[in-house]
């Protein structure tokens, strides 16, 4: 995990932005991977994600984000390790820093050096390895916060849960972009997550 320091940052898009302040917190440097999720399943006996054998089959060619999980699965994983899902405000600060940038790496238009986006599905090897795209890291050194997989947050959008970051099949969305999704839907191969942890008081 890496430290996201306390302080103010710009939240929201240009036509709806505000200045917010958050306490410091820690965030996973990488999306939760298939290898880590396999350990969680072994420890807890929780039901497997969608297409789990196919996800496991490519671990040795590079550890990719776990997908095919519900919000409830992601929440349970984080809680099992004494962590939690980020709020969308925490997610945006971790991706954006405090300078109001459009993308985790700055304001330069996305390239395949920065993120996996606008890709065609060709099995689970389509997903980017969680340690990939050094050029696309956030100001705090966090990887793959644009593209690869949408990331669950703890924030609500009516009866839906907010997702951030875009995925392999979207464009490389800006850090302010969000969608809502059903928390009990195992869904498809576009949603993953990472955890945060409060700093000691």
Protein backbone atom coordinates (compact mmCIF):
# COMPACT_ATOMS: atom_id res chain seq x y z
CA UNK A 1 0.00 0.00 0.00
CA UNK A 2 1.07 3.61 -0.49
CA UNK A 3 0.26 6.70 1.54
CA UNK A 4 -2.11 9.30 0.12
CA UNK A 5 -1.43 12.33 2.33
CA UNK A 6 -4.07 14.49 3.96
CA UNK A 7 -5.06 17.80 2.43
CA UNK A 8 -7.17 19.54 -0.16
CA UNK A 9 -7.77 18.48 -3.76
CA UNK A 10 -10.09 19.32 -6.64
CA UNK A 11 -12.98 16.87 -6.92
CA UNK A 12 -15.24 16.65 -9.95
CA UNK A 13 -15.18 17.79 -13.58
CA UNK A 14 -14.64 21.36 -14.74
CA UNK A 15 -18.37 22.14 -14.88
CA UNK A 16 -19.01 20.68 -11.42
CA UNK A 17 -15.81 20.88 -9.43
CA UNK A 18 -15.31 21.60 -5.75
CA UNK A 19 -12.44 21.80 -3.31
CA UNK A 20 -12.50 18.96 -0.77
CA UNK A 21 -10.20 17.95 2.05
CA UNK A 22 -9.51 14.38 3.17
CA UNK A 23 -7.55 12.78 5.98
CA UNK A 24 -4.58 10.69 4.94
CA UNK A 25 -5.11 7.03 4.03
CA UNK A 26 -3.29 4.10 2.48
CA UNK A 27 -4.30 2.60 -0.87
CA UNK A 28 -3.26 -0.61 -2.61
CA UNK A 29 -0.56 0.18 -5.16
CA UNK A 30 -2.03 -2.41 -7.52
CA UNK A 31 -5.48 -3.76 -8.32
CA UNK A 32 -6.29 -6.91 -6.32
CA UNK A 33 -4.90 -9.72 -8.43
CA UNK A 34 -6.02 -13.24 -9.23
CA UNK A 35 -3.17 -14.64 -7.13
CA UNK A 36 -4.18 -12.61 -4.06
CA UNK A 37 -7.85 -13.42 -4.53
CA UNK A 38 -7.05 -17.14 -4.74
CA UNK A 39 -5.44 -16.90 -1.29
CA UNK A 40 -8.58 -15.15 0.02
CA UNK A 41 -10.80 -17.93 -1.37
CA UNK A 42 -8.57 -20.55 0.23
CA UNK A 43 -8.75 -18.80 3.61
CA UNK A 44 -12.49 -18.11 3.60
CA UNK A 45 -14.20 -20.68 1.38
CA UNK A 46 -16.14 -17.89 -0.35
CA UNK A 47 -17.73 -18.76 -3.70
CA UNK A 48 -15.55 -18.40 -6.76
CA UNK A 49 -15.76 -15.52 -9.25
CA UNK A 50 -17.10 -16.02 -12.73
CA UNK A 51 -14.82 -18.08 -15.02
CA UNK A 52 -12.44 -18.72 -12.13
CA UNK A 53 -10.56 -21.65 -13.76
CA UNK A 54 -9.85 -19.49 -16.83
CA UNK A 55 -8.62 -16.62 -14.65
CA UNK A 56 -6.32 -18.94 -12.69
CA UNK A 57 -4.97 -20.54 -15.83
CA UNK A 58 -3.02 -17.46 -16.91
CA UNK A 59 -1.51 -16.47 -13.55
CA UNK A 60 1.93 -17.76 -14.53
CA UNK A 61 2.00 -15.49 -17.58
CA UNK A 62 1.52 -12.41 -15.38
CA UNK A 63 -0.79 -11.67 -12.47
CA UNK A 64 -3.85 -9.79 -13.69
CA UNK A 65 -6.73 -8.18 -11.77
CA UNK A 66 -9.45 -10.47 -10.53
CA UNK A 67 -12.78 -9.83 -12.28
CA UNK A 68 -16.26 -11.36 -12.29
CA UNK A 69 -16.87 -10.42 -8.67
CA UNK A 70 -19.70 -8.57 -7.00
CA UNK A 71 -19.36 -5.44 -4.87
CA UNK A 72 -20.14 -7.67 -1.90
CA UNK A 73 -17.20 -9.93 -2.78
CA UNK A 74 -14.86 -6.95 -3.03
CA UNK A 75 -16.11 -5.54 0.26
CA UNK A 76 -15.65 -8.91 1.99
CA UNK A 77 -12.10 -9.23 0.67
CA UNK A 78 -11.07 -5.80 1.97
CA UNK A 79 -12.68 -6.38 5.37
CA UNK A 80 -11.01 -9.78 5.72
CA UNK A 81 -7.64 -8.03 5.64
CA UNK A 82 -8.62 -5.14 7.91
CA UNK A 83 -9.13 -2.77 5.01
CA UNK A 84 -12.13 -1.31 3.16
CA UNK A 85 -13.21 -0.13 -0.27
CA UNK A 86 -12.39 3.52 -1.02
CA UNK A 87 -15.01 6.22 -1.26
CA UNK A 88 -15.16 7.78 -4.71
CA UNK A 89 -13.61 10.91 -3.21
CA UNK A 90 -10.65 8.90 -1.90
CA UNK A 91 -10.34 7.09 -5.21
CA UNK A 92 -10.27 10.36 -7.15
CA UNK A 93 -7.68 11.97 -4.90
CA UNK A 94 -5.45 8.88 -5.14
CA UNK A 95 -5.75 8.95 -8.94
CA UNK A 96 -5.52 12.71 -9.37
CA UNK A 97 -3.37 14.21 -6.66
CA UNK A 98 -3.95 17.84 -5.72
CA UNK A 99 -3.27 19.61 -9.04
CA UNK A 100 -6.58 18.97 -10.81
CA UNK A 101 -5.11 16.78 -13.56
CA UNK A 102 -7.33 14.98 -16.11
CA UNK A 103 -5.60 11.59 -15.93
CA UNK A 104 -3.52 9.84 -13.27
CA UNK A 105 -0.30 10.67 -15.18
CA UNK A 106 -1.21 14.31 -15.97
CA UNK A 107 -3.00 16.02 -18.86
CA UNK A 108 -1.29 14.31 -21.81
CA UNK A 109 -3.64 12.32 -24.02
CA UNK A 110 -3.60 8.57 -23.26
CA UNK A 111 -1.34 6.16 -25.13
CA UNK A 112 -0.74 2.44 -24.68
CA UNK A 113 2.25 3.37 -22.51
CA UNK A 114 -0.16 4.84 -19.96
CA UNK A 115 -3.07 2.41 -19.84
CA UNK A 116 -4.97 -0.48 -21.39
CA UNK A 117 -8.05 0.91 -23.15
CA UNK A 118 -10.09 0.48 -26.35
CA UNK A 119 -9.00 -3.17 -26.51
CA UNK A 120 -10.78 -6.19 -28.01
CA UNK A 121 -11.47 -9.15 -25.72
CA UNK A 122 -9.31 -12.19 -26.41
CA UNK A 123 -9.61 -14.12 -23.16
CA UNK A 124 -8.30 -13.18 -19.73
CA UNK A 125 -4.86 -12.51 -21.16
CA UNK A 126 -6.43 -9.32 -22.57
CA UNK A 127 -6.21 -7.74 -19.13
CA UNK A 128 -3.04 -5.89 -18.25
CA UNK A 129 -0.70 -7.28 -15.59
CA UNK A 130 -1.28 -5.31 -12.38
CA UNK A 131 2.32 -4.04 -12.25
CA UNK A 132 2.22 -2.72 -15.84
CA UNK A 133 2.05 0.79 -17.33
CA UNK A 134 4.69 2.61 -15.29
CA UNK A 135 4.08 5.74 -17.35
CA UNK A 136 0.45 5.82 -16.23
CA UNK A 137 1.03 5.87 -12.48
CA UNK A 138 -0.81 8.39 -10.32
CA UNK A 139 1.05 11.15 -8.39
CA UNK A 140 1.36 8.71 -5.48
CA UNK A 141 2.76 5.88 -7.61
CA UNK A 142 -0.49 3.89 -7.90
CA UNK A 143 -0.85 1.73 -11.01
CA UNK A 144 -3.64 1.28 -13.57
CA UNK A 145 -6.17 3.79 -12.27
CA UNK A 146 -7.25 4.48 -15.85
CA UNK A 147 -8.31 1.53 -18.01
CA UNK A 148 -7.76 -2.17 -17.36
CA UNK A 149 -10.78 -2.72 -15.05
CA UNK A 150 -13.44 -0.54 -13.51
CA UNK A 151 -12.89 -0.36 -9.74
CA UNK A 152 -15.62 -0.71 -7.12
CA UNK A 153 -15.92 2.04 -4.49
CA UNK A 154 -17.97 2.18 -1.30
CA UNK A 155 -19.99 5.16 -2.58
CA UNK A 156 -23.66 4.91 -3.52
CA UNK A 157 -25.51 6.14 -6.60
CA UNK A 158 -29.11 5.57 -5.54
CA UNK A 159 -29.34 1.74 -5.36
CA UNK A 160 -26.13 1.28 -7.32
CA UNK A 161 -22.48 1.34 -6.29
CA UNK A 162 -20.07 3.78 -7.93
CA UNK A 163 -17.30 2.46 -10.17
CA UNK A 164 -14.27 4.49 -11.20
CA UNK A 165 -11.43 4.35 -13.70
CA UNK A 166 -12.75 2.87 -16.94
CA UNK A 167 -11.70 -0.52 -18.30
CA UNK A 168 -9.97 -2.30 -21.14
CA UNK A 169 -12.96 -1.81 -23.47
CA UNK A 170 -13.67 1.88 -22.79
CA UNK A 171 -11.67 4.86 -23.80
CA UNK A 172 -9.11 5.94 -21.20
CA UNK A 173 -11.59 7.90 -19.12
CA UNK A 174 -10.67 10.97 -17.10
CA UNK A 175 -10.32 10.62 -13.34
CA UNK A 176 -13.65 12.38 -12.71
CA UNK A 177 -15.72 9.89 -14.72
CA UNK A 178 -17.94 7.41 -12.89
CA UNK A 179 -20.71 4.91 -13.49
CA UNK A 180 -23.06 3.05 -11.15
CA UNK A 181 -23.59 -0.71 -11.08
CA UNK A 182 -25.62 -3.28 -9.17
CA UNK A 183 -23.73 -4.45 -6.05
CA UNK A 184 -24.94 -8.06 -6.27
CA UNK A 185 -24.15 -8.51 -9.99
CA UNK A 186 -21.18 -10.78 -10.67
CA UNK A 187 -21.37 -9.46 -14.19
CA UNK A 188 -18.59 -9.78 -16.68
CA UNK A 189 -14.87 -9.21 -17.10
CA UNK A 190 -14.65 -5.43 -16.64
CA UNK A 191 -14.93 -4.87 -12.87
CA UNK A 192 -12.23 -5.28 -10.24
CA UNK A 193 -11.13 -3.37 -7.14
CA UNK A 194 -8.43 -2.26 -4.75
CA UNK A 195 -8.57 -1.54 -1.02
CA UNK A 196 -7.74 1.35 1.27
CA UNK A 197 -6.85 1.52 4.95
CA UNK A 198 -7.11 4.38 7.44
CA UNK A 199 -3.87 5.74 8.85
CA UNK A 200 -3.40 5.31 12.63
CA UNK A 201 -4.71 8.26 14.64
